[in-house]
Amino acid sequence: MIARLRGTLIDASYTEALVECAGVGYAVNIPLCTFEKLPLPGKEVILQTTLVVREDDMSLYGFATKQELQIFRLLNTVNGIGAKTALNILSSLNIPVFCQAILSGDIKTLKKINGVGPKSAERMIIELRDKVKEISPESQFGAIPAAAATSREAEDAAMALEKLGFNKAKILETVTKIAADLPENERSVENIIRKSLQALNKG
């Protein structure tokens, strides 16, 4: 079991990081919340990791924090939630928002995530309600703003802007803010790109 990597970050995208340790390059699957915490390429990085072995695949998953890894492992215990869906959940909702959605039985928020249907959302709520309290105790007390969520539209907009040559970190910061400020009915990929372009070109 590869439980931790400490090495040089060679390259990273929203879904994968390449980390060199003692001359060996490890391709690590990561969620968006981990990508946001990565240093610049060439700098030292530490990732909490877990190796997921399937009949036809062996993949390494990495996380910036122990809490992210704990949620990933919990999600993989739910029937119908595989490693890729678990990563997508972590990319779509930050941990306090996710935990509160589980604790409050908020199916509406959970089923907005790509790959999560009503039945999967119900199973997560039933199976994880008691377990997430230990990971994020603060989620039991009061509402957490929905703006903390990263929408699928925001992710698509960020990927499109990256192709135009803008700085990755600046794109992520701008797109997240624009998406959070827009009313839900105006939060299309096109709108986010248009407004983000305006902001990025000003900067």
N, C-alpha and C. Protein backbone atom coordinates (compact mmCIF):
# COMPACT_ATOMS: atom_id res chain seq x y z
N MET A 1 0.84 -1.20 0.00
CA MET A 1 0.00 0.00 0.00
C MET A 1 0.88 1.25 0.00
N ILE A 2 0.62 2.15 -0.94
CA ILE A 2 1.33 3.44 -0.97
C ILE A 2 0.45 4.43 -0.21
N ALA A 3 0.84 4.80 1.00
CA ALA A 3 -0.01 5.62 1.86
C ALA A 3 0.34 7.10 1.83
N ARG A 4 1.54 7.44 1.31
CA ARG A 4 1.96 8.84 1.33
C ARG A 4 3.04 9.05 0.27
N LEU A 5 2.97 10.17 -0.42
CA LEU A 5 4.02 10.53 -1.37
C LEU A 5 4.60 11.88 -0.98
N ARG A 6 5.92 11.95 -0.98
CA ARG A 6 6.60 13.22 -0.77
C ARG A 6 7.66 13.35 -1.86
N GLY A 7 7.48 14.36 -2.70
CA GLY A 7 8.42 14.50 -3.80
C GLY A 7 8.23 15.82 -4.51
N THR A 8 8.68 15.88 -5.75
CA THR A 8 8.60 17.10 -6.55
C THR A 8 7.39 17.04 -7.48
N LEU A 9 6.59 18.09 -7.46
CA LEU A 9 5.45 18.15 -8.38
C LEU A 9 5.99 18.49 -9.78
N ILE A 10 5.81 17.58 -10.71
CA ILE A 10 6.30 17.79 -12.08
C ILE A 10 5.24 18.52 -12.91
N ASP A 11 4.00 18.10 -12.78
CA ASP A 11 2.91 18.72 -13.54
C ASP A 11 1.60 18.37 -12.86
N ALA A 12 0.55 19.14 -13.17
CA ALA A 12 -0.75 18.86 -12.56
C ALA A 12 -1.87 19.41 -13.45
N SER A 13 -2.99 18.71 -13.44
CA SER A 13 -4.21 19.20 -14.08
C SER A 13 -5.29 19.14 -13.01
N TYR A 14 -6.53 19.43 -13.38
CA TYR A 14 -7.62 19.40 -12.40
C TYR A 14 -7.88 17.99 -11.87
N THR A 15 -7.42 16.98 -12.60
CA THR A 15 -7.74 15.61 -12.22
C THR A 15 -6.53 14.72 -11.93
N GLU A 16 -5.33 15.21 -12.22
CA GLU A 16 -4.15 14.36 -12.05
C GLU A 16 -2.90 15.16 -11.70
N ALA A 17 -2.07 14.57 -10.86
CA ALA A 17 -0.78 15.19 -10.52
C ALA A 17 0.32 14.18 -10.82
N LEU A 18 1.43 14.67 -11.36
CA LEU A 18 2.60 13.82 -11.59
C LEU A 18 3.65 14.21 -10.57
N VAL A 19 3.97 13.26 -9.69
CA VAL A 19 4.90 13.52 -8.59
C VAL A 19 6.12 12.61 -8.74
N GLU A 20 7.31 13.22 -8.71
CA GLU A 20 8.54 12.43 -8.81
C GLU A 20 9.12 12.21 -7.43
N CYS A 21 9.31 10.93 -7.10
CA CYS A 21 9.89 10.56 -5.80
C CYS A 21 11.08 9.63 -6.06
N ALA A 22 12.26 10.07 -5.68
CA ALA A 22 13.48 9.26 -5.84
C ALA A 22 13.63 8.76 -7.28
N GLY A 23 13.35 9.63 -8.24
CA GLY A 23 13.54 9.28 -9.64
C GLY A 23 12.39 8.55 -10.30
N VAL A 24 11.35 8.24 -9.52
CA VAL A 24 10.17 7.55 -10.06
C VAL A 24 9.00 8.53 -10.15
N GLY A 25 8.34 8.58 -11.29
CA GLY A 25 7.20 9.47 -11.46
C GLY A 25 5.89 8.75 -11.19
N TYR A 26 5.10 9.26 -10.27
CA TYR A 26 3.82 8.66 -9.93
C TYR A 26 2.68 9.52 -10.50
N ALA A 27 1.81 8.90 -11.29
CA ALA A 27 0.61 9.57 -11.79
C ALA A 27 -0.49 9.36 -10.75
N VAL A 28 -0.95 10.45 -10.15
CA VAL A 28 -1.89 10.37 -9.04
C VAL A 28 -3.21 11.05 -9.41
N ASN A 29 -4.30 10.33 -9.30
CA ASN A 29 -5.63 10.92 -9.52
C ASN A 29 -5.98 11.80 -8.33
N ILE A 30 -6.45 13.03 -8.61
CA ILE A 30 -6.76 13.97 -7.52
C ILE A 30 -8.11 14.64 -7.77
N PRO A 31 -8.78 15.10 -6.70
CA PRO A 31 -9.99 15.91 -6.86
C PRO A 31 -9.61 17.38 -6.99
N LEU A 32 -10.57 18.21 -7.37
CA LEU A 32 -10.33 19.64 -7.55
C LEU A 32 -9.88 20.30 -6.26
N CYS A 33 -10.43 19.85 -5.12
CA CYS A 33 -10.06 20.46 -3.83
C CYS A 33 -8.59 20.25 -3.51
N THR A 34 -8.00 19.16 -4.00
CA THR A 34 -6.56 18.93 -3.82
C THR A 34 -5.77 19.78 -4.81
N PHE A 35 -6.24 19.85 -6.05
CA PHE A 35 -5.55 20.66 -7.07
C PHE A 35 -5.37 22.10 -6.58
N GLU A 36 -6.42 22.63 -5.92
CA GLU A 36 -6.37 24.02 -5.44
C GLU A 36 -5.27 24.24 -4.42
N LYS A 37 -4.83 23.18 -3.74
CA LYS A 37 -3.82 23.31 -2.68
C LYS A 37 -2.40 22.95 -3.15
N LEU A 38 -2.27 22.53 -4.41
CA LEU A 38 -0.96 22.12 -4.90
C LEU A 38 -0.02 23.31 -5.05
N PRO A 39 1.28 23.09 -4.84
CA PRO A 39 2.27 24.15 -5.09
C PRO A 39 2.52 24.26 -6.60
N LEU A 40 3.38 25.16 -7.00
CA LEU A 40 3.75 25.29 -8.40
C LEU A 40 4.64 24.11 -8.80
N PRO A 41 4.61 23.71 -10.08
CA PRO A 41 5.52 22.65 -10.54
C PRO A 41 6.97 22.98 -10.18
N GLY A 42 7.69 21.95 -9.78
CA GLY A 42 9.07 22.14 -9.35
C GLY A 42 9.23 22.25 -7.85
N LYS A 43 8.12 22.46 -7.15
CA LYS A 43 8.14 22.56 -5.69
C LYS A 43 7.84 21.21 -5.05
N GLU A 44 8.20 21.10 -3.76
CA GLU A 44 7.91 19.87 -3.03
C GLU A 44 6.41 19.77 -2.72
N VAL A 45 5.88 18.56 -2.83
CA VAL A 45 4.48 18.33 -2.53
C VAL A 45 4.36 17.06 -1.69
N ILE A 46 3.39 17.07 -0.79
CA ILE A 46 3.09 15.89 0.03
C ILE A 46 1.63 15.53 -0.19
N LEU A 47 1.37 14.29 -0.57
CA LEU A 47 0.00 13.83 -0.78
C LEU A 47 -0.28 12.59 0.07
N GLN A 48 -1.47 12.59 0.70
CA GLN A 48 -1.96 11.39 1.37
C GLN A 48 -2.56 10.51 0.26
N THR A 49 -2.15 9.26 0.18
CA THR A 49 -2.56 8.45 -0.97
C THR A 49 -3.20 7.12 -0.57
N THR A 50 -3.93 6.58 -1.52
CA THR A 50 -4.49 5.24 -1.36
C THR A 50 -4.49 4.56 -2.72
N LEU A 51 -4.16 3.30 -2.74
CA LEU A 51 -4.10 2.54 -3.99
C LEU A 51 -5.39 1.74 -4.14
N VAL A 52 -6.10 1.98 -5.23
CA VAL A 52 -7.36 1.27 -5.48
C VAL A 52 -7.10 0.21 -6.55
N VAL A 53 -7.32 -1.04 -6.19
CA VAL A 53 -7.05 -2.16 -7.10
C VAL A 53 -8.36 -2.79 -7.55
N ARG A 54 -8.52 -2.87 -8.85
CA ARG A 54 -9.67 -3.54 -9.45
C ARG A 54 -9.15 -4.69 -10.33
N GLU A 55 -10.06 -5.50 -10.84
CA GLU A 55 -9.65 -6.63 -11.67
C GLU A 55 -8.83 -6.19 -12.87
N ASP A 56 -9.23 -5.06 -13.49
CA ASP A 56 -8.57 -4.61 -14.71
C ASP A 56 -7.84 -3.28 -14.56
N ASP A 57 -7.64 -2.85 -13.31
CA ASP A 57 -7.03 -1.53 -13.12
C ASP A 57 -6.40 -1.42 -11.74
N MET A 58 -5.32 -0.63 -11.67
CA MET A 58 -4.67 -0.34 -10.39
C MET A 58 -4.30 1.15 -10.44
N SER A 59 -5.00 1.96 -9.65
CA SER A 59 -4.83 3.41 -9.73
C SER A 59 -4.51 4.00 -8.36
N LEU A 60 -3.67 5.03 -8.38
CA LEU A 60 -3.28 5.72 -7.16
C LEU A 60 -4.07 7.03 -7.05
N TYR A 61 -4.64 7.26 -5.87
CA TYR A 61 -5.43 8.47 -5.62
C TYR A 61 -4.75 9.27 -4.52
N GLY A 62 -4.65 10.58 -4.73
CA GLY A 62 -3.94 11.41 -3.77
C GLY A 62 -4.76 12.60 -3.29
N PHE A 63 -4.45 13.04 -2.05
CA PHE A 63 -5.24 14.09 -1.42
C PHE A 63 -4.32 15.00 -0.59
N ALA A 64 -4.68 16.28 -0.58
CA ALA A 64 -3.87 17.25 0.13
C ALA A 64 -4.01 17.12 1.64
N THR A 65 -5.15 16.62 2.10
CA THR A 65 -5.39 16.52 3.54
C THR A 65 -5.90 15.13 3.92
N LYS A 66 -5.72 14.80 5.18
CA LYS A 66 -6.21 13.52 5.71
C LYS A 66 -7.74 13.48 5.63
N GLN A 67 -8.38 14.63 5.83
CA GLN A 67 -9.84 14.71 5.80
C GLN A 67 -10.39 14.34 4.41
N GLU A 68 -9.73 14.83 3.36
CA GLU A 68 -10.15 14.50 2.00
C GLU A 68 -10.03 12.99 1.76
N LEU A 69 -8.94 12.40 2.22
CA LEU A 69 -8.73 10.96 2.07
C LEU A 69 -9.80 10.17 2.83
N GLN A 70 -10.14 10.63 4.03
CA GLN A 70 -11.16 9.94 4.83
C GLN A 70 -12.53 9.94 4.11
N ILE A 71 -12.90 11.08 3.54
CA ILE A 71 -14.16 11.16 2.83
C ILE A 71 -14.14 10.25 1.60
N PHE A 72 -13.03 10.25 0.87
CA PHE A 72 -12.89 9.39 -0.31
C PHE A 72 -13.09 7.92 0.08
N ARG A 73 -12.45 7.51 1.14
CA ARG A 73 -12.57 6.11 1.57
C ARG A 73 -14.00 5.78 2.02
N LEU A 74 -14.62 6.71 2.72
CA LEU A 74 -16.01 6.50 3.13
C LEU A 74 -16.93 6.34 1.92
N LEU A 75 -16.76 7.20 0.94
CA LEU A 75 -17.60 7.15 -0.25
C LEU A 75 -17.46 5.82 -0.98
N ASN A 76 -16.25 5.27 -0.96
CA ASN A 76 -16.02 4.00 -1.64
C ASN A 76 -16.67 2.81 -0.93
N THR A 77 -17.16 3.02 0.28
CA THR A 77 -17.87 1.94 0.99
C THR A 77 -19.35 1.90 0.61
N VAL A 78 -19.82 2.95 -0.08
CA VAL A 78 -21.24 3.02 -0.46
C VAL A 78 -21.45 2.28 -1.77
N ASN A 79 -22.40 1.38 -1.78
CA ASN A 79 -22.71 0.61 -2.98
C ASN A 79 -23.10 1.54 -4.13
N GLY A 80 -22.42 1.36 -5.28
CA GLY A 80 -22.73 2.18 -6.44
C GLY A 80 -21.86 3.42 -6.58
N ILE A 81 -21.06 3.72 -5.54
CA ILE A 81 -20.15 4.88 -5.61
C ILE A 81 -18.73 4.35 -5.77
N GLY A 82 -18.19 4.47 -6.98
CA GLY A 82 -16.83 4.03 -7.24
C GLY A 82 -15.83 5.15 -7.01
N ALA A 83 -14.57 4.85 -7.30
CA ALA A 83 -13.50 5.82 -7.06
C ALA A 83 -13.68 7.09 -7.89
N LYS A 84 -14.07 6.95 -9.16
CA LYS A 84 -14.22 8.13 -10.02
C LYS A 84 -15.36 9.02 -9.56
N THR A 85 -16.47 8.41 -9.16
CA THR A 85 -17.60 9.20 -8.65
C THR A 85 -17.23 9.87 -7.33
N ALA A 86 -16.48 9.16 -6.50
CA ALA A 86 -16.04 9.73 -5.22
C ALA A 86 -15.17 10.97 -5.46
N LEU A 87 -14.28 10.90 -6.46
CA LEU A 87 -13.45 12.06 -6.79
C LEU A 87 -14.31 13.22 -7.28
N ASN A 88 -15.32 12.89 -8.09
CA ASN A 88 -16.20 13.93 -8.62
C ASN A 88 -16.98 14.62 -7.51
N ILE A 89 -17.39 13.85 -6.51
CA ILE A 89 -18.10 14.42 -5.36
C ILE A 89 -17.20 15.40 -4.61
N LEU A 90 -15.95 14.99 -4.38
CA LEU A 90 -15.00 15.86 -3.69
C LEU A 90 -14.65 17.10 -4.52
N SER A 91 -14.73 16.97 -5.84
CA SER A 91 -14.46 18.11 -6.71
C SER A 91 -15.65 19.07 -6.78
N SER A 92 -16.84 18.55 -6.53
CA SER A 92 -18.05 19.35 -6.69
C SER A 92 -18.48 20.08 -5.41
N LEU A 93 -18.22 19.46 -4.27
CA LEU A 93 -18.62 20.06 -2.99
C LEU A 93 -17.43 20.05 -2.03
N ASN A 94 -17.22 21.15 -1.31
CA ASN A 94 -16.17 21.08 -0.30
C ASN A 94 -16.67 20.23 0.87
N ILE A 95 -15.76 19.82 1.72
CA ILE A 95 -16.10 18.81 2.73
C ILE A 95 -17.19 19.25 3.70
N PRO A 96 -17.14 20.47 4.28
CA PRO A 96 -18.23 20.87 5.17
C PRO A 96 -19.60 20.88 4.49
N VAL A 97 -19.65 21.35 3.22
CA VAL A 97 -20.92 21.37 2.49
C VAL A 97 -21.42 19.95 2.25
N PHE A 98 -20.51 19.05 1.84
CA PHE A 98 -20.90 17.66 1.61
C PHE A 98 -21.41 17.02 2.89
N CYS A 99 -20.67 17.20 3.98
CA CYS A 99 -21.06 16.58 5.25
C CYS A 99 -22.41 17.11 5.73
N GLN A 100 -22.64 18.41 5.56
CA GLN A 100 -23.92 18.94 6.00
C GLN A 100 -25.07 18.43 5.13
N ALA A 101 -24.79 18.25 3.82
CA ALA A 101 -25.82 17.69 2.94
C ALA A 101 -26.19 16.28 3.39
N ILE A 102 -25.21 15.52 3.82
CA ILE A 102 -25.47 14.16 4.33
C ILE A 102 -26.27 14.23 5.63
N LEU A 103 -25.82 15.08 6.55
CA LEU A 103 -26.47 15.16 7.86
C LEU A 103 -27.89 15.70 7.79
N SER A 104 -28.16 16.60 6.84
CA SER A 104 -29.50 17.19 6.74
C SER A 104 -30.39 16.45 5.75
N GLY A 105 -29.84 15.39 5.13
CA GLY A 105 -30.64 14.63 4.17
C GLY A 105 -30.96 15.42 2.91
N ASP A 106 -30.02 16.25 2.49
CA ASP A 106 -30.24 17.14 1.35
C ASP A 106 -29.98 16.41 0.02
N ILE A 107 -30.96 15.65 -0.43
CA ILE A 107 -30.85 14.88 -1.67
C ILE A 107 -30.69 15.81 -2.87
N LYS A 108 -31.37 16.95 -2.83
CA LYS A 108 -31.34 17.90 -3.96
C LYS A 108 -29.91 18.33 -4.28
N THR A 109 -29.15 18.69 -3.25
CA THR A 109 -27.76 19.11 -3.46
C THR A 109 -26.91 17.96 -3.97
N LEU A 110 -27.07 16.78 -3.40
CA LEU A 110 -26.23 15.64 -3.76
C LEU A 110 -26.48 15.16 -5.18
N LYS A 111 -27.75 15.14 -5.61
CA LYS A 111 -28.04 14.60 -6.94
C LYS A 111 -27.69 15.57 -8.07
N LYS A 112 -27.27 16.79 -7.73
CA LYS A 112 -26.78 17.73 -8.75
C LYS A 112 -25.39 17.32 -9.24
N ILE A 113 -24.71 16.48 -8.47
CA ILE A 113 -23.36 16.05 -8.81
C ILE A 113 -23.43 15.03 -9.94
N ASN A 114 -22.61 15.23 -10.95
CA ASN A 114 -22.58 14.32 -12.09
C ASN A 114 -22.22 12.90 -11.63
N GLY A 115 -23.06 11.92 -11.98
CA GLY A 115 -22.81 10.55 -11.58
C GLY A 115 -23.56 10.12 -10.33
N VAL A 116 -24.26 11.06 -9.69
CA VAL A 116 -25.03 10.75 -8.48
C VAL A 116 -26.52 10.93 -8.76
N GLY A 117 -27.25 9.83 -8.69
CA GLY A 117 -28.70 9.88 -8.88
C GLY A 117 -29.42 9.88 -7.54
N PRO A 118 -30.75 9.95 -7.55
CA PRO A 118 -31.52 9.98 -6.30
C PRO A 118 -31.24 8.78 -5.39
N LYS A 119 -31.14 7.58 -5.98
CA LYS A 119 -30.91 6.39 -5.17
C LYS A 119 -29.52 6.40 -4.53
N SER A 120 -28.52 6.83 -5.31
CA SER A 120 -27.16 6.92 -4.76
C SER A 120 -27.11 7.96 -3.64
N ALA A 121 -27.81 9.07 -3.84
CA ALA A 121 -27.85 10.13 -2.83
C ALA A 121 -28.48 9.59 -1.54
N GLU A 122 -29.57 8.85 -1.67
CA GLU A 122 -30.25 8.28 -0.51
C GLU A 122 -29.34 7.30 0.23
N ARG A 123 -28.64 6.46 -0.54
CA ARG A 123 -27.73 5.49 0.09
C ARG A 123 -26.62 6.19 0.86
N MET A 124 -26.05 7.25 0.27
CA MET A 124 -24.99 7.99 0.96
C MET A 124 -25.50 8.56 2.28
N ILE A 125 -26.70 9.14 2.24
CA ILE A 125 -27.28 9.74 3.45
C ILE A 125 -27.48 8.70 4.54
N ILE A 126 -28.04 7.56 4.16
CA ILE A 126 -28.34 6.50 5.13
C ILE A 126 -27.06 5.89 5.71
N GLU A 127 -26.09 5.61 4.82
CA GLU A 127 -24.89 4.88 5.24
C GLU A 127 -23.80 5.76 5.87
N LEU A 128 -23.79 7.06 5.54
CA LEU A 128 -22.69 7.90 6.00
C LEU A 128 -23.06 8.91 7.08
N ARG A 129 -24.35 9.03 7.37
CA ARG A 129 -24.80 10.08 8.30
C ARG A 129 -24.04 10.06 9.62
N ASP A 130 -23.92 8.90 10.23
CA ASP A 130 -23.23 8.82 11.52
C ASP A 130 -21.71 8.96 11.39
N LYS A 131 -21.17 8.55 10.23
CA LYS A 131 -19.72 8.54 10.06
C LYS A 131 -19.14 9.92 9.77
N VAL A 132 -19.87 10.77 9.02
CA VAL A 132 -19.30 12.08 8.67
C VAL A 132 -19.24 13.03 9.87
N LYS A 133 -20.02 12.76 10.91
CA LYS A 133 -19.97 13.60 12.11
C LYS A 133 -18.57 13.62 12.71
N GLU A 134 -17.88 12.48 12.62
CA GLU A 134 -16.54 12.38 13.19
C GLU A 134 -15.51 13.14 12.35
N ILE A 135 -15.76 13.22 11.03
CA ILE A 135 -14.81 13.87 10.13
C ILE A 135 -14.98 15.38 10.12
N SER A 136 -16.24 15.84 10.14
CA SER A 136 -16.51 17.28 10.09
C SER A 136 -17.57 17.63 11.14
N PRO A 137 -17.17 17.68 12.43
CA PRO A 137 -18.13 17.95 13.51
C PRO A 137 -18.86 19.28 13.34
N GLU A 138 -18.20 20.29 12.73
CA GLU A 138 -18.82 21.60 12.58
C GLU A 138 -20.03 21.57 11.66
N SER A 139 -20.14 20.54 10.82
CA SER A 139 -21.25 20.45 9.87
C SER A 139 -22.60 20.23 10.57
N GLN A 140 -22.55 19.85 11.84
CA GLN A 140 -23.80 19.61 12.58
C GLN A 140 -24.45 20.90 13.06
N PHE A 141 -23.70 22.01 12.97
CA PHE A 141 -24.19 23.24 13.56
C PHE A 141 -24.39 24.33 12.52
N GLY A 142 -25.61 24.51 12.07
CA GLY A 142 -25.94 25.61 11.17
C GLY A 142 -25.63 25.35 9.72
N ALA A 143 -26.20 26.20 8.87
CA ALA A 143 -26.07 26.05 7.43
C ALA A 143 -24.73 26.57 6.93
N ILE A 144 -24.25 25.96 5.86
CA ILE A 144 -23.04 26.39 5.20
C ILE A 144 -23.43 26.92 3.83
N PRO A 145 -22.99 28.09 3.43
CA PRO A 145 -23.42 28.67 2.17
C PRO A 145 -23.20 27.75 0.98
N ALA A 146 -24.22 27.65 0.13
CA ALA A 146 -24.12 26.80 -1.05
C ALA A 146 -23.07 27.29 -2.02
N ALA A 147 -22.66 28.55 -1.89
CA ALA A 147 -21.65 29.11 -2.79
C ALA A 147 -20.32 28.40 -2.65
N ALA A 148 -20.16 27.64 -1.55
CA ALA A 148 -18.91 26.91 -1.38
C ALA A 148 -18.79 25.75 -2.35
N ALA A 149 -19.90 25.40 -2.98
CA ALA A 149 -19.88 24.31 -3.95
C ALA A 149 -19.25 24.76 -5.26
N THR A 150 -18.56 23.83 -5.91
CA THR A 150 -18.01 24.10 -7.24
C THR A 150 -18.88 23.36 -8.24
N SER A 151 -19.57 24.08 -9.12
CA SER A 151 -20.51 23.46 -10.05
C SER A 151 -19.80 22.83 -11.24
N ARG A 152 -20.52 21.94 -11.88
CA ARG A 152 -20.01 21.31 -13.10
C ARG A 152 -19.77 22.37 -14.17
N GLU A 153 -20.67 23.36 -14.24
CA GLU A 153 -20.53 24.44 -15.22
C GLU A 153 -19.22 25.21 -15.00
N ALA A 154 -18.89 25.46 -13.73
CA ALA A 154 -17.65 26.17 -13.41
C ALA A 154 -16.43 25.37 -13.83
N GLU A 155 -16.48 24.06 -13.62
CA GLU A 155 -15.36 23.20 -14.02
C GLU A 155 -15.16 23.24 -15.53
N ASP A 156 -16.28 23.14 -16.29
CA ASP A 156 -16.21 23.17 -17.75
C ASP A 156 -15.67 24.50 -18.25
N ALA A 157 -16.12 25.59 -17.59
CA ALA A 157 -15.65 26.92 -17.98
C ALA A 157 -14.16 27.06 -17.73
N ALA A 158 -13.69 26.54 -16.59
CA ALA A 158 -12.27 26.62 -16.25
C ALA A 158 -11.42 25.86 -17.27
N MET A 159 -11.89 24.71 -17.70
CA MET A 159 -11.15 23.91 -18.68
C MET A 159 -11.06 24.65 -20.01
N ALA A 160 -12.16 25.32 -20.40
CA ALA A 160 -12.17 26.07 -21.65
C ALA A 160 -11.21 27.25 -21.59
N LEU A 161 -11.19 27.94 -20.46
CA LEU A 161 -10.31 29.11 -20.29
C LEU A 161 -8.83 28.70 -20.26
N GLU A 162 -8.57 27.52 -19.71
CA GLU A 162 -7.18 27.04 -19.66
C GLU A 162 -6.62 26.88 -21.07
N LYS A 163 -7.47 26.45 -22.01
CA LYS A 163 -7.03 26.27 -23.40
C LYS A 163 -6.68 27.60 -24.06
N LEU A 164 -7.18 28.70 -23.51
CA LEU A 164 -6.89 30.02 -24.06
C LEU A 164 -5.56 30.58 -23.54
N GLY A 165 -4.93 29.83 -22.61
CA GLY A 165 -3.60 30.21 -22.17
C GLY A 165 -3.52 31.01 -20.88
N PHE A 166 -4.64 31.17 -20.17
CA PHE A 166 -4.60 31.91 -18.91
C PHE A 166 -3.96 31.07 -17.81
N ASN A 167 -3.46 31.73 -16.78
CA ASN A 167 -2.84 31.07 -15.63
C ASN A 167 -3.87 30.20 -14.90
N LYS A 168 -3.50 28.94 -14.60
CA LYS A 168 -4.44 27.98 -14.00
C LYS A 168 -4.99 28.46 -12.67
N ALA A 169 -4.10 28.93 -11.80
CA ALA A 169 -4.52 29.36 -10.46
C ALA A 169 -5.48 30.55 -10.56
N LYS A 170 -5.16 31.49 -11.46
CA LYS A 170 -6.01 32.68 -11.63
C LYS A 170 -7.36 32.31 -12.20
N ILE A 171 -7.36 31.35 -13.14
CA ILE A 171 -8.61 30.87 -13.73
C ILE A 171 -9.52 30.31 -12.64
N LEU A 172 -8.95 29.43 -11.82
CA LEU A 172 -9.73 28.76 -10.78
C LEU A 172 -10.33 29.76 -9.80
N GLU A 173 -9.52 30.72 -9.38
CA GLU A 173 -9.98 31.75 -8.44
C GLU A 173 -11.11 32.58 -9.06
N THR A 174 -10.93 32.98 -10.32
CA THR A 174 -11.91 33.84 -10.99
C THR A 174 -13.21 33.10 -11.26
N VAL A 175 -13.10 31.90 -11.83
CA VAL A 175 -14.29 31.12 -12.18
C VAL A 175 -15.12 30.77 -10.95
N THR A 176 -14.45 30.39 -9.86
CA THR A 176 -15.15 30.03 -8.63
C THR A 176 -15.95 31.22 -8.09
N LYS A 177 -15.33 32.40 -8.11
CA LYS A 177 -16.01 33.60 -7.61
C LYS A 177 -17.18 33.99 -8.52
N ILE A 178 -16.96 33.97 -9.84
CA ILE A 178 -18.02 34.33 -10.78
C ILE A 178 -19.21 33.39 -10.64
N ALA A 179 -18.94 32.10 -10.58
CA ALA A 179 -20.01 31.10 -10.48
C ALA A 179 -20.81 31.26 -9.18
N ALA A 180 -20.10 31.57 -8.09
CA ALA A 180 -20.78 31.75 -6.81
C ALA A 180 -21.67 32.99 -6.79
N ASP A 181 -21.25 34.05 -7.52
CA ASP A 181 -21.99 35.31 -7.52
C ASP A 181 -23.20 35.29 -8.46
N LEU A 182 -23.18 34.41 -9.46
CA LEU A 182 -24.28 34.38 -10.42
C LEU A 182 -25.51 33.68 -9.86
N PRO A 183 -26.72 34.17 -10.16
CA PRO A 183 -27.94 33.45 -9.78
C PRO A 183 -27.94 32.08 -10.46
N GLU A 184 -28.55 31.09 -9.82
CA GLU A 184 -28.50 29.72 -10.34
C GLU A 184 -29.00 29.61 -11.77
N ASN A 185 -30.05 30.37 -12.12
CA ASN A 185 -30.61 30.27 -13.47
C ASN A 185 -29.75 30.95 -14.54
N GLU A 186 -28.69 31.66 -14.11
CA GLU A 186 -27.78 32.30 -15.06
C GLU A 186 -26.39 31.65 -15.06
N ARG A 187 -26.27 30.54 -14.34
CA ARG A 187 -24.97 29.92 -14.14
C ARG A 187 -24.63 28.91 -15.26
N SER A 188 -24.73 29.37 -16.51
CA SER A 188 -24.37 28.52 -17.65
C SER A 188 -22.88 28.61 -17.91
N VAL A 189 -22.36 27.62 -18.63
CA VAL A 189 -20.93 27.63 -18.97
C VAL A 189 -20.58 28.90 -19.76
N GLU A 190 -21.44 29.25 -20.71
CA GLU A 190 -21.18 30.42 -21.56
C GLU A 190 -21.12 31.70 -20.73
N ASN A 191 -22.06 31.87 -19.80
CA ASN A 191 -22.08 33.06 -18.95
C ASN A 191 -20.83 33.15 -18.08
N ILE A 192 -20.46 32.02 -17.51
CA ILE A 192 -19.28 31.99 -16.63
C ILE A 192 -18.02 32.33 -17.42
N ILE A 193 -17.90 31.76 -18.63
CA ILE A 193 -16.74 32.04 -19.47
C ILE A 193 -16.69 33.52 -19.84
N ARG A 194 -17.83 34.06 -20.27
CA ARG A 194 -17.89 35.46 -20.71
C ARG A 194 -17.47 36.41 -19.59
N LYS A 195 -18.05 36.22 -18.42
CA LYS A 195 -17.76 37.11 -17.29
C LYS A 195 -16.34 36.88 -16.76
N SER A 196 -15.88 35.66 -16.80
CA SER A 196 -14.51 35.35 -16.35
C SER A 196 -13.48 35.97 -17.29
N LEU A 197 -13.77 35.92 -18.60
CA LEU A 197 -12.89 36.55 -19.58
C LEU A 197 -12.75 38.04 -19.33
N GLN A 198 -13.88 38.67 -19.04
CA GLN A 198 -13.86 40.11 -18.75
C GLN A 198 -12.96 40.40 -17.56
N ALA A 199 -13.11 39.59 -16.50
CA ALA A 199 -12.33 39.79 -15.28
C ALA A 199 -10.84 39.50 -15.53
N LEU A 200 -10.55 38.41 -16.24
CA LEU A 200 -9.16 38.01 -16.48
C LEU A 200 -8.44 39.01 -17.39
N ASN A 201 -9.16 39.55 -18.37
CA ASN A 201 -8.54 40.52 -19.28
C ASN A 201 -8.26 41.86 -18.59
N LYS A 202 -9.10 42.16 -17.59
CA LYS A 202 -8.86 43.39 -16.80
C LYS A 202 -7.59 43.25 -15.98
N GLY A 203 -7.43 42.02 -15.45
CA GLY A 203 -6.26 41.79 -14.59
C GLY A 203 -4.98 41.67 -15.35
